[in-house]
């Protein structure tokens, strides 16, 4: 693949985003990350225990920092993630559009 930045692989929970990223990573030699794993590692929590997000802006700011750290080490990455999350009321909440620009997304795979 001839690009710099982030290829964003998105879909609903459990659809196989991380599996696809893992396969693409092996075939293309590009590192793959899960947005949830990056955020959880930075927060010192175990990803997947709770899908509810208390503060989506804070979480997305953490994700931007972590992705940018990876982009400093690797010119291109695969990122599995979502366009929306479950908020503290367990309702679907869309993420702010500016976060995708900050993640240096060059391509989106749905």
Protein backbone atom coordinates (compact mmCIF):
# COMPACT_ATOMS: atom_id res chain seq x y z
CA UNK A 1 0.00 0.00 0.00
CA UNK A 2 1.37 3.34 -0.98
CA UNK A 3 0.20 5.86 1.66
CA UNK A 4 1.29 7.63 4.80
CA UNK A 5 -0.97 7.76 7.82
CA UNK A 6 -3.82 5.62 9.09
CA UNK A 7 -6.11 3.16 7.36
CA UNK A 8 -9.26 3.08 9.52
CA UNK A 9 -11.16 -0.22 9.59
CA UNK A 10 -14.59 0.29 11.09
CA UNK A 11 -17.70 -1.72 11.85
CA UNK A 12 -19.95 -2.79 14.68
CA UNK A 13 -18.77 -4.67 17.76
CA UNK A 14 -17.70 -8.24 17.00
CA UNK A 15 -17.83 -7.95 13.20
CA UNK A 16 -14.16 -8.92 12.75
CA UNK A 17 -12.31 -5.61 12.45
CA UNK A 18 -9.32 -6.78 14.46
CA UNK A 19 -9.23 -10.10 12.61
CA UNK A 20 -9.20 -8.28 9.26
CA UNK A 21 -6.51 -5.88 10.49
CA UNK A 22 -4.42 -8.83 11.67
CA UNK A 23 -4.64 -10.49 8.27
CA UNK A 24 -3.88 -7.25 6.41
CA UNK A 25 -0.99 -6.59 8.77
CA UNK A 26 0.61 -9.94 7.89
CA UNK A 27 0.02 -9.54 4.16
CA UNK A 28 1.10 -5.90 3.90
CA UNK A 29 3.71 -5.68 6.65
CA UNK A 30 1.89 -2.78 8.31
CA UNK A 31 1.28 -2.71 12.07
CA UNK A 32 -2.33 -2.99 13.23
CA UNK A 33 -3.91 -1.54 16.35
CA UNK A 34 -7.31 -1.52 18.01
CA UNK A 35 -8.56 1.90 19.10
CA UNK A 36 -10.01 0.36 22.26
CA UNK A 37 -6.74 -1.39 23.11
CA UNK A 38 -4.73 1.82 22.67
CA UNK A 39 -7.14 3.81 24.86
CA UNK A 40 -7.34 1.10 27.52
CA UNK A 41 -3.56 0.71 27.69
CA UNK A 42 -3.13 4.46 28.15
CA UNK A 43 -5.83 4.45 30.86
CA UNK A 44 -4.40 1.38 32.58
CA UNK A 45 -7.63 -0.57 32.16
CA UNK A 46 -8.60 -3.90 30.61
CA UNK A 47 -10.32 -3.37 27.27
CA UNK A 48 -13.65 -5.08 26.74
CA UNK A 49 -14.72 -5.22 30.38
CA UNK A 50 -17.09 -2.33 29.81
CA UNK A 51 -18.10 -0.97 26.38
CA UNK A 52 -19.66 2.15 27.96
CA UNK A 53 -17.61 5.34 27.57
CA UNK A 54 -18.02 7.98 30.28
CA UNK A 55 -16.16 10.78 28.47
CA UNK A 56 -15.93 10.34 24.70
CA UNK A 57 -13.91 13.54 24.16
CA UNK A 58 -11.26 12.51 26.68
CA UNK A 59 -11.12 9.01 25.20
CA UNK A 60 -10.71 10.33 21.66
CA UNK A 61 -8.00 12.75 22.79
CA UNK A 62 -6.13 9.79 24.29
CA UNK A 63 -6.58 7.87 21.04
CA UNK A 64 -5.19 10.77 18.99
CA UNK A 65 -2.10 10.95 21.22
CA UNK A 66 -1.53 7.18 21.06
CA UNK A 67 -2.03 6.98 17.27
CA UNK A 68 0.32 9.91 16.74
CA UNK A 69 2.95 8.14 18.89
CA UNK A 70 2.67 5.12 16.60
CA UNK A 71 2.83 7.28 13.46
CA UNK A 72 6.09 8.78 14.71
CA UNK A 73 7.53 5.27 14.76
CA UNK A 74 5.74 3.85 11.71
CA UNK A 75 4.69 5.90 8.65
CA UNK A 76 1.56 3.83 8.10
CA UNK A 77 -0.73 1.87 10.44
CA UNK A 78 -4.02 0.01 10.41
CA UNK A 79 -6.54 1.06 13.08
CA UNK A 80 -9.67 -0.89 14.01
CA UNK A 81 -12.33 1.31 15.61
CA UNK A 82 -15.80 2.82 15.58
CA UNK A 83 -17.65 5.92 14.38
CA UNK A 84 -19.79 5.82 17.54
CA UNK A 85 -19.71 4.49 21.12
CA UNK A 86 -22.10 3.66 23.93
CA UNK A 87 -22.36 6.58 26.36
CA UNK A 88 -22.93 6.43 30.14
CA UNK A 89 -26.69 6.08 29.47
CA UNK A 90 -25.90 3.07 27.24
CA UNK A 91 -27.07 4.97 24.16
CA UNK A 92 -25.28 5.19 20.85
CA UNK A 93 -23.29 8.41 20.64
CA UNK A 94 -21.47 9.52 17.47
CA UNK A 95 -17.86 10.54 17.85
CA UNK A 96 -16.83 14.05 16.82
CA UNK A 97 -15.83 14.20 13.16
CA UNK A 98 -12.66 16.20 13.80
CA UNK A 99 -11.09 13.20 15.55
CA UNK A 100 -10.67 11.41 12.20
CA UNK A 101 -8.67 14.29 10.80
CA UNK A 102 -6.47 14.27 13.91
CA UNK A 103 -5.90 10.53 13.44
CA UNK A 104 -4.41 11.19 9.98
CA UNK A 105 -6.85 8.80 8.32
CA UNK A 106 -6.05 8.39 4.66
CA UNK A 107 -8.41 5.51 3.87
CA UNK A 108 -11.49 3.99 5.48
CA UNK A 109 -12.50 0.33 5.16
CA UNK A 110 -16.10 -0.41 6.15
